[in-house]
Amino acid sequence: MARPTIADIADRAGVSKGAVSFALNGRPGVSEATRARILAIAEQMSWRPHSAARALGASRVDSVGLVIARPARTLGVEPFFAHLVSGLQSGLSAHSISLQLLIVEDTAAEIEVYRRWASEHRVDGVIMVDLTVKDPRIEALKTLELPAVVIGGRGGKGALPSVWADDRDAMLSIVEYLAALGHRRIAHVAGTPDFQHTQRRIRALKDAAPRLGLLDGPSLTTDFSDAEGAAITRKLLSQPDRPTAIVYDSDVMAVAGLGVAMEMGVKVPSELSIVAFDDSILTQLMHPALTALSRDTFDFGRQAADVLLEVIADPANVVNRRTADPVLTVRESTAPPLQDKA
């Protein structure tokens, strides 16, 4: 038979894995009656602690991990992650905890890193970003019993703790603003299609189109790079019925799109309005300055660090913290479409 796990004991006892962990390690958090029942079941199942799990329970290494499965070339120019990491480190440094950062090529490589970190007791917990549809990392982390917090999306019912903002409402605020200006041809240069936040933004635009009377609302996916953002913009602006407004899922792609518009002689904002997600210094330094959805990404990271520390202290604690909704900051890159101006 397979070696029994904490999850097996939890199923038999009808309690959470966190409660089993507390009972087996002699920690407070469960009643004495529950502890006795769990210990009896563990004995019946001939459970013995795994050496790595024993080491993890015995001591802390005062380090947490962040693995990002995106091409390194796209991260090198992405202000969002720089601000996020700064916020994470700020929240962790206050408790003398370090942050280990690795960049890998795909999700399979990311899961392997988690397995190695867990087996070697390299980190006390991890931060997970870019939640995907049917994300295999969630089950992997639950199996490893490695404390984790998801940034940017809810980890699913009963799954992982999370810190998130409402991408759907954020996208709706942009589209409704553009529609109020008179735009009916609004395009969306979206991010990676497997990401849950990309899907939420795509659905928001699609759902709002009939209500707002949009003639077209295409969402074209990319890898978040400036190169793909520019290529998609060039394609959109080459159409006979080109959009009068484009929403970009990152400020890097929005800046690239502005460059393409200038190259093609399309005037911003009189002939094309541009809006970016993730307001950064990039959007403010452009000419014209870009309208953008603003949020405090540094604080977003700091809150994620706080939640992870809570989860490390109490693995049974599943926190789903919604952060403040992003706010649309209007600048010079948006205006009523040319045909609607008096």
Protein backbone atom coordinates (compact mmCIF):
# COMPACT_ATOMS: atom_id res chain seq x y z
CA MET A 1 0.00 0.00 0.00
CA ALA A 2 1.05 3.61 -0.57
CA ARG A 3 2.58 5.41 2.38
CA PRO A 4 -0.23 7.17 4.30
CA THR A 5 -0.12 10.95 4.26
CA ILE A 6 -1.46 13.74 6.44
CA ALA A 7 -4.23 14.15 3.85
CA ASP A 8 -5.24 10.49 4.35
CA ILE A 9 -5.43 10.98 8.12
CA ALA A 10 -7.46 14.17 7.65
CA ASP A 11 -9.96 12.34 5.43
CA ARG A 12 -10.33 9.52 7.95
CA ALA A 13 -10.72 11.92 10.88
CA GLY A 14 -12.98 14.37 9.05
CA VAL A 15 -10.74 17.36 9.84
CA SER A 16 -8.45 19.68 7.91
CA LYS A 17 -4.83 18.86 7.09
CA GLY A 18 -3.84 21.82 9.24
CA ALA A 19 -5.58 20.27 12.26
CA VAL A 20 -3.75 16.98 11.66
CA SER A 21 -0.44 18.84 11.43
CA PHE A 22 -1.14 20.61 14.74
CA ALA A 23 -2.02 17.35 16.46
CA LEU A 24 0.94 15.36 15.14
CA ASN A 25 3.42 18.09 15.99
CA GLY A 26 2.03 18.81 19.45
CA ARG A 27 1.05 22.36 18.56
CA PRO A 28 -1.93 24.29 19.92
CA GLY A 29 -4.93 24.82 17.67
CA VAL A 30 -6.99 21.67 18.22
CA SER A 31 -8.87 20.37 21.25
CA GLU A 32 -7.37 17.56 23.31
CA ALA A 33 -10.19 15.23 22.25
CA THR A 34 -9.53 15.93 18.57
CA ARG A 35 -5.78 15.53 19.09
CA ALA A 36 -6.28 12.15 20.73
CA ARG A 37 -8.57 10.97 17.91
CA ILE A 38 -6.10 12.09 15.24
CA LEU A 39 -3.16 10.41 16.97
CA ALA A 40 -5.15 7.16 17.29
CA ILE A 41 -6.01 7.18 13.59
CA ALA A 42 -2.39 7.92 12.68
CA GLU A 43 -1.30 4.92 14.76
CA GLN A 44 -3.91 2.68 13.12
CA MET A 45 -2.69 3.72 9.66
CA SER A 46 0.98 3.18 10.66
CA TRP A 47 1.77 6.76 9.72
CA ARG A 48 5.36 7.92 10.13
CA PRO A 49 6.57 11.48 9.47
CA HIS A 50 8.51 12.16 6.28
CA SER A 51 12.06 13.35 7.00
CA ALA A 52 11.58 16.58 5.04
CA ALA A 53 8.28 17.27 6.78
CA ARG A 54 9.92 16.65 10.15
CA ALA A 55 12.67 19.13 9.31
CA LEU A 56 10.13 21.71 8.20
CA GLY A 57 8.16 21.36 11.40
CA ALA A 58 11.27 21.52 13.56
CA SER A 59 12.64 24.84 12.39
CA ARG A 60 12.15 27.81 10.13
CA VAL A 61 14.65 28.99 7.55
CA ASP A 62 13.28 32.55 7.50
CA SER A 63 13.04 32.62 3.72
CA VAL A 64 10.13 32.50 1.26
CA GLY A 65 10.17 31.85 -2.47
CA LEU A 66 8.78 33.45 -5.61
CA VAL A 67 8.99 31.61 -8.94
CA ILE A 68 7.92 33.44 -12.10
CA ALA A 69 7.26 31.37 -15.22
CA ARG A 70 7.60 34.04 -17.86
CA PRO A 71 10.30 34.80 -20.44
CA ALA A 72 13.07 36.72 -18.71
CA ARG A 73 13.21 39.23 -21.58
CA THR A 74 9.63 40.36 -20.91
CA LEU A 75 10.22 40.72 -17.17
CA GLY A 76 13.26 42.88 -17.74
CA VAL A 77 11.12 45.80 -18.91
CA GLU A 78 8.01 45.16 -16.80
CA PRO A 79 7.62 47.73 -13.98
CA PHE A 80 4.77 45.77 -12.36
CA PHE A 81 7.02 42.97 -11.12
CA ALA A 82 9.71 45.36 -9.90
CA HIS A 83 7.14 47.14 -7.74
CA LEU A 84 5.60 43.85 -6.60
CA VAL A 85 8.95 42.38 -5.53
CA SER A 86 9.82 45.61 -3.72
CA GLY A 87 6.56 45.42 -1.78
CA LEU A 88 7.08 41.75 -0.96
CA GLN A 89 10.60 42.35 0.29
CA SER A 90 9.48 45.33 2.34
CA GLY A 91 6.84 43.26 4.13
CA LEU A 92 9.24 40.36 4.67
CA SER A 93 12.25 42.43 5.73
CA ALA A 94 10.27 43.86 8.63
CA HIS A 95 10.36 40.30 10.04
CA SER A 96 13.98 39.57 8.95
CA ILE A 97 12.79 37.15 6.28
CA SER A 98 14.49 36.93 2.89
CA LEU A 99 12.96 36.43 -0.56
CA GLN A 100 14.28 33.87 -3.03
CA LEU A 101 13.43 34.72 -6.65
CA LEU A 102 13.70 32.36 -9.61
CA ILE A 103 12.62 32.88 -13.21
CA VAL A 104 11.77 29.71 -15.16
CA GLU A 105 10.39 29.01 -18.61
CA ASP A 106 7.16 27.14 -17.86
CA THR A 107 4.80 25.82 -15.20
CA ALA A 108 6.36 22.33 -15.15
CA ALA A 109 9.73 23.84 -14.25
CA GLU A 110 8.05 25.96 -11.57
CA ILE A 111 6.50 22.88 -9.94
CA GLU A 112 9.89 21.15 -9.93
CA VAL A 113 11.34 24.13 -8.07
CA TYR A 114 8.58 23.81 -5.45
CA ARG A 115 9.34 20.11 -5.02
CA ARG A 116 13.05 20.77 -4.60
CA TRP A 117 12.47 23.62 -2.16
CA ALA A 118 10.09 21.48 -0.08
CA SER A 119 12.34 18.41 0.00
CA GLU A 120 15.45 20.43 0.85
CA HIS A 121 13.58 22.75 3.26
CA ARG A 122 14.79 25.84 1.40
CA VAL A 123 11.76 28.04 2.13
CA ASP A 124 9.00 28.33 4.70
CA GLY A 125 6.39 29.22 2.05
CA VAL A 126 5.92 30.56 -1.46
CA ILE A 127 4.18 33.34 -3.34
CA MET A 128 2.44 32.19 -6.53
CA VAL A 129 1.63 34.57 -9.40
CA ASP A 130 -0.19 34.32 -12.74
CA LEU A 131 -2.93 31.89 -11.74
CA THR A 132 -4.03 29.91 -14.81
CA VAL A 133 -7.23 28.10 -15.74
CA LYS A 134 -7.17 24.64 -14.04
CA ASP A 135 -3.80 25.53 -12.57
CA PRO A 136 -1.75 22.37 -11.75
CA ARG A 137 0.38 24.29 -9.24
CA ILE A 138 -2.45 24.46 -6.71
CA GLU A 139 -2.69 20.70 -6.31
CA ALA A 140 1.11 20.37 -6.33
CA LEU A 141 1.49 22.85 -3.48
CA LYS A 142 -1.35 21.24 -1.51
CA THR A 143 0.31 17.82 -1.92
CA LEU A 144 3.66 19.21 -0.78
CA GLU A 145 1.89 20.93 2.14
CA LEU A 146 4.00 23.98 1.41
CA PRO A 147 2.39 27.19 2.71
CA ALA A 148 1.47 29.39 -0.24
CA VAL A 149 -0.38 32.55 -1.19
CA VAL A 150 -1.74 33.32 -4.67
CA ILE A 151 -1.31 36.89 -5.92
CA GLY A 152 -3.81 38.36 -8.38
CA GLY A 153 -6.49 35.67 -8.27
CA ARG A 154 -8.45 33.66 -5.77
CA GLY A 155 -6.93 30.25 -5.16
CA GLY A 156 -10.27 28.50 -5.47
CA LYS A 157 -12.77 27.36 -2.84
CA GLY A 158 -10.90 25.60 -0.05
CA ALA A 159 -7.67 25.75 -2.05
CA LEU A 160 -5.01 28.36 -1.36
CA PRO A 161 -4.99 31.70 0.43
CA SER A 162 -4.91 34.70 -1.91
CA VAL A 163 -4.50 38.44 -2.29
CA TRP A 164 -6.42 39.81 -5.25
CA ALA A 165 -8.11 42.71 -6.99
CA ASP A 166 -11.25 42.53 -9.13
CA ASP A 167 -10.01 42.45 -12.74
CA ARG A 168 -13.54 42.28 -14.10
CA ASP A 169 -14.66 45.48 -12.39
CA ALA A 170 -11.40 47.13 -13.40
CA MET A 171 -11.94 46.30 -17.07
CA LEU A 172 -15.56 47.43 -16.92
CA SER A 173 -14.51 50.81 -15.51
CA ILE A 174 -12.24 51.35 -18.52
CA VAL A 175 -14.76 50.24 -21.14
CA GLU A 176 -17.61 52.23 -19.62
CA TYR A 177 -15.43 55.35 -19.55
CA LEU A 178 -14.48 54.94 -23.21
CA ALA A 179 -18.09 54.28 -24.19
CA ALA A 180 -19.16 57.42 -22.32
CA LEU A 181 -16.68 59.37 -24.45
CA GLY A 182 -18.46 58.03 -27.52
CA HIS A 183 -16.20 55.14 -28.55
CA ARG A 184 -17.95 52.19 -30.16
CA ARG A 185 -14.94 50.42 -31.71
CA ILE A 186 -12.86 49.34 -28.72
CA ALA A 187 -10.12 46.73 -29.05
CA HIS A 188 -8.31 44.89 -26.27
CA VAL A 189 -4.64 43.90 -26.49
CA ALA A 190 -4.72 41.18 -23.84
CA GLY A 191 -2.09 39.19 -22.01
CA THR A 192 -1.40 35.46 -21.92
CA PRO A 193 -4.64 33.59 -22.70
CA ASP A 194 -4.22 30.91 -20.00
CA PHE A 195 -4.04 33.44 -17.18
CA GLN A 196 -7.24 33.76 -15.17
CA HIS A 197 -6.98 37.54 -14.95
CA THR A 198 -6.67 37.71 -18.76
CA GLN A 199 -9.82 35.63 -19.11
CA ARG A 200 -11.73 37.81 -16.64
CA ARG A 201 -10.83 40.96 -18.58
CA ILE A 202 -11.77 39.37 -21.92
CA ARG A 203 -15.14 38.24 -20.57
CA ALA A 204 -15.82 41.66 -19.06
CA LEU A 205 -15.37 43.37 -22.43
CA LYS A 206 -17.43 40.73 -24.22
CA ASP A 207 -20.27 40.93 -21.70
CA ALA A 208 -20.34 44.74 -21.73
CA ALA A 209 -20.34 45.11 -25.54
CA PRO A 210 -24.11 44.66 -26.13
CA ARG A 211 -25.06 46.88 -23.18
CA LEU A 212 -22.75 49.69 -24.30
CA GLY A 213 -23.59 49.39 -27.99
CA LEU A 214 -20.07 48.50 -29.07
CA LEU A 215 -19.74 47.66 -32.76
CA ASP A 216 -16.76 45.43 -32.12
CA GLY A 217 -14.84 44.37 -29.04
CA PRO A 218 -12.03 42.02 -30.08
CA SER A 219 -9.52 40.76 -27.50
CA LEU A 220 -6.20 39.69 -29.02
CA THR A 221 -3.85 37.78 -26.71
CA THR A 222 -0.09 38.24 -26.38
CA ASP A 223 2.84 37.23 -24.17
CA PHE A 224 2.87 40.71 -22.55
CA SER A 225 5.98 41.70 -24.51
CA ASP A 226 6.46 45.07 -26.17
CA ALA A 227 7.14 43.28 -29.47
CA GLU A 228 3.79 41.47 -29.51
CA GLY A 229 1.98 44.55 -28.23
CA ALA A 230 3.40 46.52 -31.15
CA ALA A 231 2.61 43.79 -33.69
CA ILE A 232 -1.03 43.49 -32.58
CA THR A 233 -1.44 47.27 -32.61
CA ARG A 234 -0.07 47.47 -36.15
CA LYS A 235 -2.55 44.79 -37.22
CA LEU A 236 -5.49 46.61 -35.60
CA LEU A 237 -4.60 50.00 -37.07
CA SER A 238 -4.19 48.51 -40.55
CA GLN A 239 -7.85 47.44 -40.71
CA PRO A 240 -10.35 49.46 -42.77
CA ASP A 241 -12.60 49.88 -39.73
CA ARG A 242 -9.85 50.34 -37.20
CA PRO A 243 -10.66 50.81 -33.52
CA THR A 244 -10.96 54.30 -32.09
CA ALA A 245 -9.74 53.08 -28.69
CA ILE A 246 -7.39 50.32 -27.53
CA VAL A 247 -7.06 48.92 -24.00
CA TYR A 248 -3.72 47.28 -23.17
CA ASP A 249 -3.20 44.71 -20.41
CA SER A 250 0.15 46.24 -19.44
CA ASP A 251 1.79 49.62 -19.59
CA VAL A 252 4.74 48.21 -21.56
CA MET A 253 2.42 47.11 -24.36
CA ALA A 254 0.55 50.42 -24.20
CA VAL A 255 3.79 52.36 -24.68
CA ALA A 256 4.69 50.10 -27.61
CA GLY A 257 1.21 50.69 -29.07
CA LEU A 258 1.64 54.45 -28.78
CA GLY A 259 4.89 54.14 -30.71
CA VAL A 260 3.17 52.22 -33.51
CA ALA A 261 0.39 54.80 -33.72
CA MET A 262 2.98 57.57 -34.12
CA GLU A 263 4.82 55.50 -36.75
CA MET A 264 1.60 55.03 -38.74
CA GLY A 265 0.53 58.66 -38.46
CA VAL A 266 -2.49 57.89 -36.26
CA LYS A 267 -2.95 60.81 -33.87
CA VAL A 268 -3.43 60.12 -30.16
CA PRO A 269 -5.96 60.96 -28.76
CA SER A 270 -7.92 62.60 -31.62
CA GLU A 271 -7.88 59.48 -33.83
CA LEU A 272 -7.06 56.83 -31.25
CA SER A 273 -7.51 56.69 -27.48
CA ILE A 274 -5.13 54.50 -25.46
CA VAL A 275 -5.65 53.09 -21.95
CA ALA A 276 -3.19 50.93 -19.99
CA PHE A 277 -3.48 48.57 -17.06
CA ASP A 278 -0.81 48.90 -14.34
CA ASP A 279 -0.05 52.58 -14.15
CA SER A 280 3.70 53.19 -13.77
CA ILE A 281 6.20 55.95 -14.41
CA LEU A 282 6.28 54.79 -18.05
CA THR A 283 2.70 55.92 -18.65
CA GLN A 284 3.36 59.29 -17.06
CA LEU A 285 6.51 60.07 -19.04
CA MET A 286 5.01 59.45 -22.47
CA HIS A 287 3.77 62.24 -24.69
CA PRO A 288 0.88 62.26 -24.55
CA ALA A 289 0.78 60.84 -21.01
CA LEU A 290 -1.31 57.66 -20.94
CA THR A 291 -4.64 57.18 -19.23
CA ALA A 292 -4.15 54.16 -16.97
CA LEU A 293 -5.70 52.01 -14.29
CA SER A 294 -3.75 52.91 -11.16
CA ARG A 295 -3.13 50.77 -8.12
CA ASP A 296 -0.47 50.63 -5.45
CA THR A 297 1.48 47.58 -6.64
CA PHE A 298 4.06 48.06 -3.89
CA ASP A 299 1.31 47.78 -1.25
CA PHE A 300 -0.16 44.82 -3.15
CA GLY A 301 3.13 42.99 -2.62
CA ARG A 302 3.39 44.09 1.01
CA GLN A 303 -0.09 42.72 1.75
CA ALA A 304 0.80 39.42 0.07
CA ALA A 305 3.85 39.14 2.33
CA ASP A 306 1.67 39.77 5.41
CA VAL A 307 -0.83 37.09 4.37
CA LEU A 308 1.91 34.54 3.68
CA LEU A 309 3.40 35.12 7.12
CA GLU A 310 -0.06 34.54 8.62
CA VAL A 311 -0.37 31.27 6.69
CA ILE A 312 3.11 30.10 7.70
CA ALA A 313 2.22 30.74 11.35
CA ASP A 314 -1.09 28.90 10.95
CA PRO A 315 -1.27 26.57 7.90
CA ALA A 316 -4.97 25.94 8.52
CA ASN A 317 -5.72 29.65 8.03
CA VAL A 318 -7.07 30.27 4.51
CA VAL A 319 -7.11 34.03 3.92
CA ASN A 320 -8.68 35.55 0.80
CA ARG A 321 -7.91 39.25 0.96
CA ARG A 322 -9.40 41.58 -1.61
CA THR A 323 -7.34 44.71 -2.09
CA ALA A 324 -8.65 48.13 -3.05
CA ASP A 325 -10.04 48.33 -6.57
CA PRO A 326 -7.75 50.06 -9.10
CA VAL A 327 -8.72 53.63 -9.99
CA LEU A 328 -8.81 55.00 -13.53
CA THR A 329 -6.43 57.94 -13.85
CA VAL A 330 -7.37 60.01 -16.90
CA ARG A 331 -4.55 61.70 -18.80
CA GLU A 332 -3.98 63.06 -22.30
CA SER A 333 -4.20 59.80 -24.27
CA THR A 334 -8.02 59.58 -24.23
CA ALA A 335 -10.65 61.84 -25.81
CA PRO A 336 -13.96 61.55 -27.67
CA PRO A 337 -13.54 59.96 -31.11
CA LEU A 338 -12.89 62.47 -33.91
CA GLN A 339 -16.24 62.04 -35.62
CA ASP A 340 -18.10 62.88 -32.39
CA LYS A 341 -16.32 66.19 -31.78
CA ALA A 342 -18.17 69.39 -32.58
